[in-house]
Structure formats: C-alpha cells, structure tokens
Amino acid sequence: MSKKKIFGVSTSTKLQSCFENTKSIGVTSSYVTAIELAGGIPLLLPPIQKSSDIEQQLELIDVLVMSGGNDVD
C-alpha cells in the first residue's frame, strides 16, 4: 500500500467564534472533502508568525494548498 500524500491547507482567522472574545481558525469544508476525494490527507495549517515554525510546518507536508480568495479570471 502506498503512502498517502499530506496536503497542508492554509487557514484564515474568522471573527466569529462560539467563545466570547475569541476568533476561530479554519477553512470551508470543501477543501477537506476535495483532498480526501483525491486520495490525500488534509492537514490544516494555522497562521503563525515565526518563520522557523512555518518552515517546520512545511516539512510535515507533501503539498501546500493556499485557500481563500475569489476566483481569478
């Protein structure tokens, strides 16, 4: 059995959260569903500031998916 690819998905911070005075981090479920249907394993990457931590995140994944934004014509 071949090893599945890990898809790192960038996330965004939302103002709405179920907890008072906090923000939530995530993506729409369609990213997760699409990656699973393609045979991959999704891994959500929270936005962080420290470049060495970002580099370590990137070492964990095989593919980087930059989520968000409108369609570009």
Protein backbone atom coordinates (compact mmCIF):
# COMPACT_ATOMS: atom_id res chain seq x y z
CA MET A 1 0.00 0.00 0.00
CA SER A 2 1.45 3.36 -0.98
CA LYS A 3 1.68 6.21 1.47
CA LYS A 4 -0.95 8.93 1.02
CA LYS A 5 0.22 12.49 0.42
CA ILE A 6 -0.30 15.04 3.19
CA PHE A 7 -1.91 18.24 1.92
CA GLY A 8 -1.25 21.27 4.12
CA VAL A 9 -4.11 23.75 3.80
CA SER A 10 -3.64 27.39 4.79
CA THR A 11 -6.33 28.67 7.12
CA SER A 12 -7.77 32.05 7.92
CA THR A 13 -8.90 33.75 11.10
CA LYS A 14 -12.60 34.45 11.41
CA LEU A 15 -14.15 36.99 13.74
CA GLN A 16 -16.98 34.64 14.67
CA SER A 17 -16.36 32.01 17.30
CA CYS A 18 -18.51 30.04 19.70
CA PHE A 19 -16.49 31.53 22.56
CA GLU A 20 -16.78 35.14 23.65
CA ASN A 21 -13.90 37.47 22.68
CA THR A 22 -12.08 34.86 20.62
CA LYS A 23 -11.56 34.14 16.93
CA SER A 24 -11.76 30.83 15.15
CA ILE A 25 -9.31 29.46 12.59
CA GLY A 26 -10.34 27.26 9.68
CA VAL A 27 -11.33 26.72 6.06
CA THR A 28 -14.51 25.73 4.31
CA SER A 29 -15.16 22.01 4.41
CA SER A 30 -14.96 21.76 0.61
CA TYR A 31 -11.13 21.88 0.83
CA VAL A 32 -11.06 18.91 3.19
CA THR A 33 -13.60 16.97 1.13
CA ALA A 34 -11.77 17.58 -2.16
CA ILE A 35 -8.43 16.45 -0.73
CA GLU A 36 -9.97 13.30 0.72
CA LEU A 37 -11.75 12.50 -2.57
CA ALA A 38 -8.41 12.91 -4.36
CA GLY A 39 -6.88 10.32 -2.02
CA GLY A 40 -4.91 12.70 0.18
CA ILE A 41 -4.86 13.52 3.86
CA PRO A 42 -5.72 17.14 4.75
CA LEU A 43 -3.75 18.92 7.47
CA LEU A 44 -4.94 22.40 8.44
CA LEU A 45 -2.11 24.89 8.97
CA PRO A 46 -2.95 27.73 11.35
CA PRO A 47 -1.50 31.17 10.60
CA ILE A 48 1.68 31.63 12.65
CA GLN A 49 4.32 34.37 12.65
CA LYS A 50 7.67 32.76 13.47
CA SER A 51 9.46 31.78 10.24
CA SER A 52 11.24 28.80 11.81
CA ASP A 53 7.86 27.41 12.90
CA ILE A 54 6.45 27.91 9.40
CA GLU A 55 9.42 26.03 7.95
CA GLN A 56 8.79 23.18 10.36
CA GLN A 57 5.11 23.08 9.34
CA LEU A 58 6.14 22.84 5.69
CA GLU A 59 8.44 19.89 6.44
CA LEU A 60 5.38 17.91 7.58
CA ILE A 61 3.51 18.14 4.27
CA ASP A 62 3.90 16.98 0.68
CA VAL A 63 1.61 19.58 -0.95
CA LEU A 64 0.66 23.13 0.06
CA VAL A 65 -2.85 24.38 -0.73
CA MET A 66 -3.34 28.13 -0.39
CA SER A 67 -7.02 28.53 0.46
CA GLY A 68 -9.31 31.51 0.16
CA GLY A 69 -9.96 34.37 -2.17
CA ASN A 70 -12.25 34.84 -5.11
CA ASP A 71 -11.84 33.21 -8.50
CA VAL A 72 -9.31 34.93 -10.71
CA ASP A 73 -10.49 35.48 -14.28
